[in-house]
PDB file of N, CA and C in Angstrom:
ATOM      1  N   MET A   1     -46.961 110.853 -54.545  1.00  0.00           N
ATOM      2  CA  MET A   1     -48.382 110.851 -54.570  1.00  0.00           C
ATOM      3  C   MET A   1     -48.914 109.424 -54.946  1.00  0.00           C
ATOM      4  N   GLU A   2     -48.307 108.833 -55.887  1.00  0.00           N
ATOM      5  CA  GLU A   2     -48.685 107.484 -56.342  1.00  0.00           C
ATOM      6  C   GLU A   2     -48.511 106.483 -55.250  1.00  0.00           C
ATOM      7  N   THR A   3     -47.458 106.559 -54.431  1.00  0.00           N
ATOM      8  CA  THR A   3     -47.184 105.629 -53.328  1.00  0.00           C
ATOM      9  C   THR A   3     -48.276 105.730 -52.271  1.00  0.00           C
ATOM     10  N   LYS A   4     -48.726 106.919 -52.048  1.00  0.00           N
ATOM     11  CA  LYS A   4     -49.784 107.172 -51.028  1.00  0.00           C
ATOM     12  C   LYS A   4     -51.055 106.476 -51.438  1.00  0.00           C
ATOM     13  N   LYS A   5     -51.398 106.547 -52.686  1.00  0.00           N
ATOM     14  CA  LYS A   5     -52.610 105.887 -53.207  1.00  0.00           C
ATOM     15  C   LYS A   5     -52.510 104.371 -53.036  1.00  0.00           C
ATOM     16  N   LYS A   6     -51.295 103.835 -53.350  1.00  0.00           N
ATOM     17  CA  LYS A   6     -51.122 102.384 -53.210  1.00  0.00           C
ATOM     18  C   LYS A   6     -51.259 101.941 -51.748  1.00  0.00           C
ATOM     19  N   ILE A   7     -50.764 102.735 -50.841  1.00  0.00           N
ATOM     20  CA  ILE A   7     -50.841 102.377 -49.417  1.00  0.00           C
ATOM     21  C   ILE A   7     -52.303 102.411 -48.944  1.00  0.00           C
ATOM     22  N   ILE A   8     -53.046 103.435 -49.385  1.00  0.00           N
ATOM     23  CA  ILE A   8     -54.447 103.496 -48.997  1.00  0.00           C
ATOM     24  C   ILE A   8     -55.253 102.393 -49.608  1.00  0.00           C
ATOM     25  N   LEU A   9     -54.980 102.070 -50.852  1.00  0.00           N
ATOM     26  CA  LEU A   9     -55.659 100.940 -51.522  1.00  0.00           C
ATOM     27  C   LEU A   9     -55.328  99.621 -50.871  1.00  0.00           C
ATOM     28  N   SER A  10     -54.077  99.435 -50.480  1.00  0.00           N
ATOM     29  CA  SER A  10     -53.653  98.192 -49.795  1.00  0.00           C
ATOM     30  C   SER A  10     -54.377  98.074 -48.464  1.00  0.00           C
ATOM     31  N   ALA A  11     -54.451  99.156 -47.723  1.00  0.00           N
ATOM     32  CA  ALA A  11     -55.123  99.161 -46.403  1.00  0.00           C
ATOM     33  C   ALA A  11     -56.628  98.830 -46.548  1.00  0.00           C
ATOM     34  N   ALA A  12     -57.265  99.404 -47.590  1.00  0.00           N
ATOM     35  CA  ALA A  12     -58.698  99.151 -47.830  1.00  0.00           C
ATOM     36  C   ALA A  12     -58.902  97.676 -48.190  1.00  0.00           C
ATOM     37  N   LEU A  13     -58.001  97.139 -49.014  1.00  0.00           N
ATOM     38  CA  LEU A  13     -58.088  95.728 -49.447  1.00  0.00           C
ATOM     39  C   LEU A  13     -57.877  94.790 -48.236  1.00  0.00           C
ATOM     40  N   LEU A  14     -56.910  95.152 -47.370  1.00  0.00           N
ATOM     41  CA  LEU A  14     -56.652  94.340 -46.164  1.00  0.00           C
ATOM     42  C   LEU A  14     -57.859  94.400 -45.230  1.00  0.00           C
ATOM     43  N   ALA A  15     -58.483  95.513 -45.064  1.00  0.00           N
ATOM     44  CA  ALA A  15     -59.684  95.623 -44.220  1.00  0.00           C
ATOM     45  C   ALA A  15     -60.833  94.794 -44.761  1.00  0.00           C
ATOM     46  N   ALA A  16     -60.974  94.777 -46.077  1.00  0.00           N
ATOM     47  CA  ALA A  16     -62.084  94.016 -46.699  1.00  0.00           C
ATOM     48  C   ALA A  16     -61.826  92.500 -46.512  1.00  0.00           C
ATOM     49  N   VAL A  17     -60.598  92.073 -46.637  1.00  0.00           N
ATOM     50  CA  VAL A  17     -60.254  90.626 -46.466  1.00  0.00           C
ATOM     51  C   VAL A  17     -60.455  90.221 -45.040  1.00  0.00           C
ATOM     52  N   VAL A  18     -60.011  91.052 -44.109  1.00  0.00           N
ATOM     53  CA  VAL A  18     -60.147  90.741 -42.640  1.00  0.00           C
ATOM     54  C   VAL A  18     -61.628  90.677 -42.283  1.00  0.00           C
ATOM     55  N   SER A  19     -62.442  91.549 -42.761  1.00  0.00           N
ATOM     56  CA  SER A  19     -63.880  91.522 -42.413  1.00  0.00           C
ATOM     57  C   SER A  19     -64.558  90.323 -43.057  1.00  0.00           C
ATOM     58  N   ALA A  20     -64.070  89.879 -44.199  1.00  0.00           N
ATOM     59  CA  ALA A  20     -64.648  88.650 -44.807  1.00  0.00           C
ATOM     60  C   ALA A  20     -64.385  87.427 -43.997  1.00  0.00           C
ATOM     61  N   TYR A  21     -63.168  87.358 -43.411  1.00  0.00           N
ATOM     62  CA  TYR A  21     -62.827  86.208 -42.555  1.00  0.00           C
ATOM     63  C   TYR A  21     -63.571  86.281 -41.214  1.00  0.00           C
ATOM     64  N   ALA A  22     -63.838  87.451 -40.729  1.00  0.00           N
ATOM     65  CA  ALA A  22     -64.522  87.634 -39.423  1.00  0.00           C
ATOM     66  C   ALA A  22     -65.971  87.197 -39.527  1.00  0.00           C
ATOM     67  N   GLN A  23     -66.575  87.187 -40.663  1.00  0.00           N
ATOM     68  CA  GLN A  23     -67.969  86.844 -40.820  1.00  0.00           C
ATOM     69  C   GLN A  23     -68.197  85.369 -40.464  1.00  0.00           C
ATOM     70  N   GLY A  24     -67.279  84.524 -40.802  1.00  0.00           N
ATOM     71  CA  GLY A  24     -67.425  83.087 -40.481  1.00  0.00           C
ATOM     72  C   GLY A  24     -67.425  82.850 -39.010  1.00  0.00           C
ATOM     73  N   ASN A  25     -66.624  83.577 -38.296  1.00  0.00           N
ATOM     74  CA  ASN A  25     -66.581  83.423 -36.820  1.00  0.00           C
ATOM     75  C   ASN A  25     -67.870  83.926 -36.181  1.00  0.00           C
ATOM     76  N   GLY A  26     -68.488  84.936 -36.752  1.00  0.00           N
ATOM     77  CA  GLY A  26     -69.765  85.402 -36.223  1.00  0.00           C
ATOM     78  C   GLY A  26     -70.857  84.365 -36.394  1.00  0.00           C
ATOM     79  N   GLN A  27     -70.883  83.681 -37.458  1.00  0.00           N
ATOM     80  CA  GLN A  27     -71.879  82.630 -37.682  1.00  0.00           C
ATOM     81  C   GLN A  27     -71.690  81.512 -36.680  1.00  0.00           C
ATOM     82  N   ALA A  28     -70.433  81.118 -36.480  1.00  0.00           N
ATOM     83  CA  ALA A  28     -70.170  80.082 -35.502  1.00  0.00           C
ATOM     84  C   ALA A  28     -70.589  80.513 -34.099  1.00  0.00           C
ATOM     85  N   GLY A  29     -70.344  81.776 -33.768  1.00  0.00           N
ATOM     86  CA  GLY A  29     -70.767  82.325 -32.443  1.00  0.00           C
ATOM     87  C   GLY A  29     -72.265  82.308 -32.275  1.00  0.00           C
ATOM     88  N   ILE A  30     -73.020  82.660 -33.314  1.00  0.00           N
ATOM     89  CA  ILE A  30     -74.449  82.665 -33.242  1.00  0.00           C
ATOM     90  C   ILE A  30     -74.973  81.229 -33.094  1.00  0.00           C
ATOM     91  N   THR A  31     -74.374  80.311 -33.820  1.00  0.00           N
ATOM     92  CA  THR A  31     -74.767  78.905 -33.689  1.00  0.00           C
ATOM     93  C   THR A  31     -74.508  78.351 -32.282  1.00  0.00           C
ATOM     94  N   GLU A  32     -73.365  78.689 -31.760  1.00  0.00           N
ATOM     95  CA  GLU A  32     -73.035  78.277 -30.403  1.00  0.00           C
ATOM     96  C   GLU A  32     -73.990  78.882 -29.355  1.00  0.00           C
ATOM     97  N   ALA A  33     -74.292  80.155 -29.493  1.00  0.00           N
ATOM     98  CA  ALA A  33     -75.241  80.813 -28.558  1.00  0.00           C
ATOM     99  C   ALA A  33     -76.604  80.178 -28.668  1.00  0.00           C
ATOM    100  N   THR A  34     -77.080  79.877 -29.842  1.00  0.00           N
ATOM    101  CA  THR A  34     -78.358  79.207 -30.044  1.00  0.00           C
ATOM    102  C   THR A  34     -78.368  77.872 -29.359  1.00  0.00           C
ATOM    103  N   ASN A  35     -77.325  77.098 -29.526  1.00  0.00           N
ATOM    104  CA  ASN A  35     -77.257  75.797 -28.850  1.00  0.00           C
ATOM    105  C   ASN A  35     -77.227  75.901 -27.372  1.00  0.00           C
ATOM    106  N   MET A  36     -76.565  76.918 -26.841  1.00  0.00           N
ATOM    107  CA  MET A  36     -76.517  77.100 -25.372  1.00  0.00           C
ATOM    108  C   MET A  36     -77.877  77.484 -24.818  1.00  0.00           C
ATOM    109  N   ILE A  37     -78.577  78.368 -25.541  1.00  0.00           N
ATOM    110  CA  ILE A  37     -79.883  78.827 -25.057  1.00  0.00           C
ATOM    111  C   ILE A  37     -80.903  77.685 -25.110  1.00  0.00           C
ATOM    112  N   THR A  38     -80.893  76.923 -26.172  1.00  0.00           N
ATOM    113  CA  THR A  38     -81.859  75.843 -26.286  1.00  0.00           C
ATOM    114  C   THR A  38     -81.576  74.726 -25.313  1.00  0.00           C
ATOM    115  N   SER A  39     -80.344  74.618 -24.824  1.00  0.00           N
ATOM    116  CA  SER A  39     -80.028  73.591 -23.827  1.00  0.00           C
ATOM    117  C   SER A  39     -80.666  73.906 -22.467  1.00  0.00           C
ATOM    118  N   TYR A  40     -81.048  75.143 -22.278  1.00  0.00           N
ATOM    119  CA  TYR A  40     -81.661  75.551 -20.994  1.00  0.00           C
ATOM    120  C   TYR A  40     -83.174  75.258 -20.941  1.00  0.00           C
ATOM    121  N   PHE A  41     -83.791  74.914 -22.065  1.00  0.00           N
ATOM    122  CA  PHE A  41     -85.255  74.758 -22.080  1.00  0.00           C
ATOM    123  C   PHE A  41     -85.698  73.533 -21.311  1.00  0.00           C
ATOM    124  N   ASP A  42     -84.980  72.440 -21.368  1.00  0.00           N
ATOM    125  CA  ASP A  42     -85.396  71.226 -20.640  1.00  0.00           C
ATOM    126  C   ASP A  42     -85.390  71.484 -19.129  1.00  0.00           C
ATOM    127  N   PRO A  43     -84.277  71.968 -18.551  1.00  0.00           N
ATOM    128  CA  PRO A  43     -84.368  72.244 -17.097  1.00  0.00           C
ATOM    129  C   PRO A  43     -85.339  73.332 -16.739  1.00  0.00           C
ATOM    130  N   GLY A  44     -85.491  74.331 -17.587  1.00  0.00           N
ATOM    131  CA  GLY A  44     -86.431  75.449 -17.322  1.00  0.00           C
ATOM    132  C   GLY A  44     -87.868  74.925 -17.324  1.00  0.00           C
ATOM    133  N   THR A  45     -88.182  74.042 -18.296  1.00  0.00           N
ATOM    134  CA  THR A  45     -89.542  73.484 -18.385  1.00  0.00           C
ATOM    135  C   THR A  45     -89.829  72.639 -17.139  1.00  0.00           C
ATOM    136  N   LYS A  46     -88.856  71.836 -16.723  1.00  0.00           N
ATOM    137  CA  LYS A  46     -89.026  70.998 -15.512  1.00  0.00           C
ATOM    138  C   LYS A  46     -89.193  71.851 -14.227  1.00  0.00           C
ATOM    139  N   LEU A  47     -88.499  73.009 -14.220  1.00  0.00           N
ATOM    140  CA  LEU A  47     -88.597  73.924 -13.103  1.00  0.00           C
ATOM    141  C   LEU A  47     -90.016  74.553 -13.052  1.00  0.00           C
ATOM    142  N   VAL A  48     -90.554  74.910 -14.188  1.00  0.00           N
ATOM    143  CA  VAL A  48     -91.893  75.506 -14.238  1.00  0.00           C
ATOM    144  C   VAL A  48     -92.936  74.438 -13.866  1.00  0.00           C
ATOM    145  N   TYR A  49     -92.745  73.189 -14.299  1.00  0.00           N
ATOM    146  CA  TYR A  49     -93.648  72.096 -13.909  1.00  0.00           C
ATOM    147  C   TYR A  49     -93.611  71.906 -12.401  1.00  0.00           C
ATOM    148  N   ALA A  50     -92.404  71.997 -11.796  1.00  0.00           N
ATOM    149  CA  ALA A  50     -92.299  71.830 -10.355  1.00  0.00           C
ATOM    150  C   ALA A  50     -92.955  72.974  -9.615  1.00  0.00           C
ATOM    151  N   ILE A  51     -92.844  74.203 -10.121  1.00  0.00           N
ATOM    152  CA  ILE A  51     -93.521  75.346  -9.516  1.00  0.00           C
ATOM    153  C   ILE A  51     -95.037  75.182  -9.621  1.00  0.00           C
ATOM    154  N   GLY A  52     -95.476  74.656 -10.752  1.00  0.00           N
ATOM    155  CA  GLY A  52     -96.906  74.360 -10.944  1.00  0.00           C
ATOM    156  C   GLY A  52     -97.416  73.343  -9.927  1.00  0.00           C
ATOM    157  N   ALA A  53     -96.605  72.293  -9.659  1.00  0.00           N
ATOM    158  CA  ALA A  53     -97.032  71.284  -8.691  1.00  0.00           C
ATOM    159  C   ALA A  53     -97.070  71.870  -7.300  1.00  0.00           C
ATOM    160  N   VAL A  54     -96.090  72.684  -6.925  1.00  0.00           N
ATOM    161  CA  VAL A  54     -96.156  73.313  -5.579  1.00  0.00           C
ATOM    162  C   VAL A  54     -97.314  74.305  -5.485  1.00  0.00           C
ATOM    163  N   CYS A  55     -97.592  74.987  -6.579  1.00  0.00           N
ATOM    164  CA  CYS A  55     -98.747  75.900  -6.589  1.00  0.00           C
ATOM    165  C   CYS A  55    -100.045  75.131  -6.430  1.00  0.00           C
ATOM    166  N   GLY A  56    -100.115  73.945  -7.062  1.00  0.00           N
ATOM    167  CA  GLY A  56    -101.298  73.093  -6.935  1.00  0.00           C
ATOM    168  C   GLY A  56    -101.519  72.593  -5.488  1.00  0.00           C
ATOM    169  N   LEU A  57    -100.382  72.198  -4.870  1.00  0.00           N
ATOM    170  CA  LEU A  57    -100.455  71.733  -3.479  1.00  0.00           C
ATOM    171  C   LEU A  57    -100.899  72.833  -2.541  1.00  0.00           C
ATOM    172  N   ILE A  58    -100.299  73.995  -2.681  1.00  0.00           N
ATOM    173  CA  ILE A  58    -100.711  75.108  -1.849  1.00  0.00           C
ATOM    174  C   ILE A  58    -102.153  75.480  -2.080  1.00  0.00           C
ATOM    175  N   GLY A  59    -102.565  75.494  -3.329  1.00  0.00           N
ATOM    176  CA  GLY A  59    -103.957  75.807  -3.629  1.00  0.00           C
ATOM    177  C   GLY A  59    -104.910  74.778  -3.063  1.00  0.00           C
ATOM    178  N   GLY A  60    -104.545  73.519  -3.153  1.00  0.00           N
ATOM    179  CA  GLY A  60    -105.366  72.449  -2.577  1.00  0.00           C
ATOM    180  C   GLY A  60    -105.570  72.639  -1.072  1.00  0.00           C
ATOM    181  N   VAL A  61    -104.491  72.971  -0.373  1.00  0.00           N
ATOM    182  CA  VAL A  61    -104.606  73.165   1.082  1.00  0.00           C
ATOM    183  C   VAL A  61    -105.487  74.396   1.387  1.00  0.00           C
ATOM    184  N   LYS A  62    -105.288  75.458   0.633  1.00  0.00           N
ATOM    185  CA  LYS A  62    -106.100  76.660   0.859  1.00  0.00           C
ATOM    186  C   LYS A  62    -107.612  76.377   0.591  1.00  0.00           C
ATOM    187  N   VAL A  63    -107.901  75.696  -0.480  1.00  0.00           N
ATOM    188  CA  VAL A  63    -109.281  75.380  -0.799  1.00  0.00           C
ATOM    189  C   VAL A  63    -109.868  74.439   0.259  1.00  0.00           C
ATOM    190  N   TYR A  64    -109.078  73.440   0.706  1.00  0.00           N
ATOM    191  CA  TYR A  64    -109.553  72.566   1.810  1.00  0.00           C
ATOM    192  C   TYR A  64    -109.864  73.349   3.049  1.00  0.00           C
ATOM    193  N   ASN A  65    -108.995  74.303   3.448  1.00  0.00           N
ATOM    194  CA  ASN A  65    -109.250  75.099   4.611  1.00  0.00           C
ATOM    195  C   ASN A  65    -110.511  75.920   4.488  1.00  0.00           C
ATOM    196  N   LYS A  66    -110.749  76.515   3.302  1.00  0.00           N
ATOM    197  CA  LYS A  66    -111.942  77.339   3.092  1.00  0.00           C
ATOM    198  C   LYS A  66    -113.183  76.439   3.147  1.00  0.00           C
ATOM    199  N   PHE A  67    -113.086  75.202   2.505  1.00  0.00           N
ATOM    200  CA  PHE A  67    -114.217  74.311   2.475  1.00  0.00           C
ATOM    201  C   PHE A  67    -114.554  73.809   3.906  1.00  0.00           C
ATOM    202  N   SER A  68    -113.518  73.510   4.669  1.00  0.00           N
ATOM    203  CA  SER A  68    -113.721  73.026   6.037  1.00  0.00           C
ATOM    204  C   SER A  68    -114.348  74.082   6.941  1.00  0.00           C
ATOM    205  N   SER A  69    -113.969  75.318   6.732  1.00  0.00           N
ATOM    206  CA  SER A  69    -114.530  76.442   7.564  1.00  0.00           C
ATOM    207  C   SER A  69    -115.915  76.907   7.101  1.00  0.00           C
ATOM    208  N   GLY A  70    -116.405  76.334   6.016  1.00  0.00           N
ATOM    209  CA  GLY A  70    -117.731  76.680   5.554  1.00  0.00           C
ATOM    210  C   GLY A  70    -117.798  77.966   4.755  1.00  0.00           C
ATOM    211  N   ASP A  71    -116.734  78.411   4.200  1.00  0.00           N
ATOM    212  CA  ASP A  71    -116.702  79.672   3.434  1.00  0.00           C
ATOM    213  C   ASP A  71    -117.472  79.477   2.124  1.00  0.00           C
ATOM    214  N   PRO A  72    -118.379  80.368   1.791  1.00  0.00           N
ATOM    215  CA  PRO A  72    -119.141  80.169   0.538  1.00  0.00           C
ATOM    216  C   PRO A  72    -118.321  80.533  -0.723  1.00  0.00           C
ATOM    217  N   ASP A  73    -117.145  81.074  -0.546  1.00  0.00           N
ATOM    218  CA  ASP A  73    -116.320  81.507  -1.691  1.00  0.00           C
ATOM    219  C   ASP A  73    -115.337  80.401  -2.139  1.00  0.00           C
ATOM    220  N   THR A  74    -115.573  79.152  -1.783  1.00  0.00           N
ATOM    221  CA  THR A  74    -114.672  78.082  -2.070  1.00  0.00           C
ATOM    222  C   THR A  74    -114.507  77.809  -3.580  1.00  0.00           C
ATOM    223  N   SER A  75    -115.536  77.868  -4.329  1.00  0.00           N
ATOM    224  CA  SER A  75    -115.427  77.568  -5.778  1.00  0.00           C
ATOM    225  C   SER A  75    -114.631  78.610  -6.496  1.00  0.00           C
ATOM    226  N   LYS A  76    -114.710  79.855  -6.079  1.00  0.00           N
ATOM    227  CA  LYS A  76    -113.938  80.888  -6.725  1.00  0.00           C
ATOM    228  C   LYS A  76    -112.442  80.718  -6.457  1.00  0.00           C
ATOM    229  N   THR A  77    -112.122  80.393  -5.222  1.00  0.00           N
ATOM    230  CA  THR A  77    -110.742  80.124  -4.843  1.00  0.00           C
ATOM    231  C   THR A  77    -110.185  78.902  -5.570  1.00  0.00           C
ATOM    232  N   ALA A  78    -110.974  77.857  -5.631  1.00  0.00           N
ATOM    233  CA  ALA A  78    -110.515  76.636  -6.329  1.00  0.00           C
ATOM    234  C   ALA A  78    -110.261  76.923  -7.785  1.00  0.00           C
ATOM    235  N   ALA A  79    -111.163  77.709  -8.403  1.00  0.00           N
ATOM    236  CA  ALA A  79    -111.008  77.971  -9.822  1.00  0.00           C
ATOM    237  C   ALA A  79    -109.775  78.805 -10.074  1.00  0.00           C
ATOM    238  N   SER A  80    -109.449  79.767  -9.206  1.00  0.00           N
ATOM    239  CA  SER A  80    -108.295  80.621  -9.416  1.00  0.00           C
ATOM    240  C   SER A  80    -106.995  79.842  -9.240  1.00  0.00           C
ATOM    241  N   TRP A  81    -106.905  78.997  -8.221  1.00  0.00           N
ATOM    242  CA  TRP A  81    -105.685  78.181  -8.060  1.00  0.00           C
ATOM    243  C   TRP A  81    -105.521  77.147  -9.139  1.00  0.00           C
ATOM    244  N   PHE A  82    -106.616  76.504  -9.536  1.00  0.00           N
ATOM    245  CA  PHE A  82    -106.545  75.511 -10.657  1.00  0.00           C
ATOM    246  C   PHE A  82    -106.136  76.224 -11.942  1.00  0.00           C
ATOM    247  N   GLY A  83    -106.728  77.398 -12.172  1.00  0.00           N
ATOM    248  CA  GLY A  83    -106.345  78.149 -13.394  1.00  0.00           C
ATOM    249  C   GLY A  83    -104.890  78.552 -13.417  1.00  0.00           C
ATOM    250  N   ALA A  84    -104.373  78.895 -12.264  1.00  0.00           N
ATOM    251  CA  ALA A  84    -102.930  79.308 -12.186  1.00  0.00           C
ATOM    252  C   ALA A  84    -102.057  78.100 -12.518  1.00  0.00           C
ATOM    253  N   CYS A  85    -102.383  76.928 -11.993  1.00  0.00           N
ATOM    254  CA  CYS A  85    -101.607  75.737 -12.314  1.00  0.00           C
ATOM    255  C   CYS A  85    -101.705  75.377 -13.762  1.00  0.00           C
ATOM    256  N   ILE A  86    -102.818  75.421 -14.360  1.00  0.00           N
ATOM    257  CA  ILE A  86    -102.999  75.110 -15.776  1.00  0.00           C
ATOM    258  C   ILE A  86    -102.213  76.116 -16.629  1.00  0.00           C
ATOM    259  N   PHE A  87    -102.277  77.395 -16.236  1.00  0.00           N
ATOM    260  CA  PHE A  87    -101.522  78.389 -16.988  1.00  0.00           C
ATOM    261  C   PHE A  87    -100.046  78.115 -16.985  1.00  0.00           C
ATOM    262  N   LEU A  88     -99.488  77.761 -15.820  1.00  0.00           N
ATOM    263  CA  LEU A  88     -98.041  77.452 -15.731  1.00  0.00           C
ATOM    264  C   LEU A  88     -97.657  76.303 -16.667  1.00  0.00           C
ATOM    265  N   ILE A  89     -98.449  75.233 -16.618  1.00  0.00           N
ATOM    266  CA  ILE A  89     -98.151  74.058 -17.440  1.00  0.00           C
ATOM    267  C   ILE A  89     -98.295  74.336 -18.907  1.00  0.00           C
ATOM    268  N   VAL A  90     -99.364  75.044 -19.260  1.00  0.00           N
ATOM    269  CA  VAL A  90     -99.573  75.341 -20.734  1.00  0.00           C
ATOM    270  C   VAL A  90     -98.540  76.357 -21.205  1.00  0.00           C
ATOM    271  N   ALA A  91     -98.201  77.328 -20.406  1.00  0.00           N
ATOM    272  CA  ALA A  91     -97.195  78.341 -20.848  1.00  0.00           C
ATOM    273  C   ALA A  91     -95.857  77.674 -21.060  1.00  0.00           C
ATOM    274  N   ALA A  92     -95.429  76.798 -20.178  1.00  0.00           N
ATOM    275  CA  ALA A  92     -94.137  76.135 -20.330  1.00  0.00           C
ATOM    276  C   ALA A  92     -94.132  75.257 -21.583  1.00  0.00           C
ATOM    277  N   THR A  93     -95.226  74.547 -21.814  1.00  0.00           N
ATOM    278  CA  THR A  93     -95.289  73.683 -22.955  1.00  0.00           C
ATOM    279  C   THR A  93     -95.339  74.483 -24.270  1.00  0.00           C
ATOM    280  N   ILE A  94     -96.039  75.531 -24.325  1.00  0.00           N
ATOM    281  CA  ILE A  94     -96.133  76.360 -25.546  1.00  0.00           C
ATOM    282  C   ILE A  94     -94.809  77.062 -25.811  1.00  0.00           C
ATOM    283  N   LEU A  95     -94.160  77.606 -24.778  1.00  0.00           N
ATOM    284  CA  LEU A  95     -92.839  78.215 -25.005  1.00  0.00           C
ATOM    285  C   LEU A  95     -91.830  77.249 -25.453  1.00  0.00           C
ATOM    286  N   ARG A  96     -91.817  76.034 -24.972  1.00  0.00           N
ATOM    287  CA  ARG A  96     -90.907  75.016 -25.376  1.00  0.00           C
ATOM    288  C   ARG A  96     -91.141  74.644 -26.823  1.00  0.00           C
ATOM    289  N   SER A  97     -92.394  74.449 -27.204  1.00  0.00           N
ATOM    290  CA  SER A  97     -92.695  74.088 -28.595  1.00  0.00           C
ATOM    291  C   SER A  97     -92.474  75.236 -29.546  1.00  0.00           C
ATOM    292  N   PHE A  98     -92.615  76.462 -29.085  1.00  0.00           N
ATOM    293  CA  PHE A  98     -92.423  77.622 -29.940  1.00  0.00           C
ATOM    294  C   PHE A  98     -90.959  77.848 -30.260  1.00  0.00           C
ATOM    295  N   PHE A  99     -90.075  77.717 -29.276  1.00  0.00           N
ATOM    296  CA  PHE A  99     -88.686  77.995 -29.476  1.00  0.00           C
ATOM    297  C   PHE A  99     -87.811  76.825 -29.916  1.00  0.00           C
ATOM    298  N   LEU A 100     -88.321  75.594 -29.737  1.00  0.00           N
ATOM    299  CA  LEU A 100     -87.516  74.404 -30.154  1.00  0.00           C
ATOM    300  C   LEU A 100     -88.084  73.787 -31.344  1.00  0.00           C
TER     301      LEU A 100
END
């Protein structure tokens, strides 16, 4: 009976020691994951800026076509395309400053 208690106590002590060593590896893993995710922000921000530029060019062509055809709704279209471009640029900048 006494030997059984010693075996159970030894197993519990071994489990506690192993879990204590495993905690250090978890911290290193979280740090590595954080570094990997933050390294994606520069290319992601540049991609959003490029999408904003393409959106601005497409919007400019659409507004020009409406203006040339004499459509009275030109200012509404220009405001919506311009607002979309501004939103993309501001959203990318705010997300970058929030997470980095």
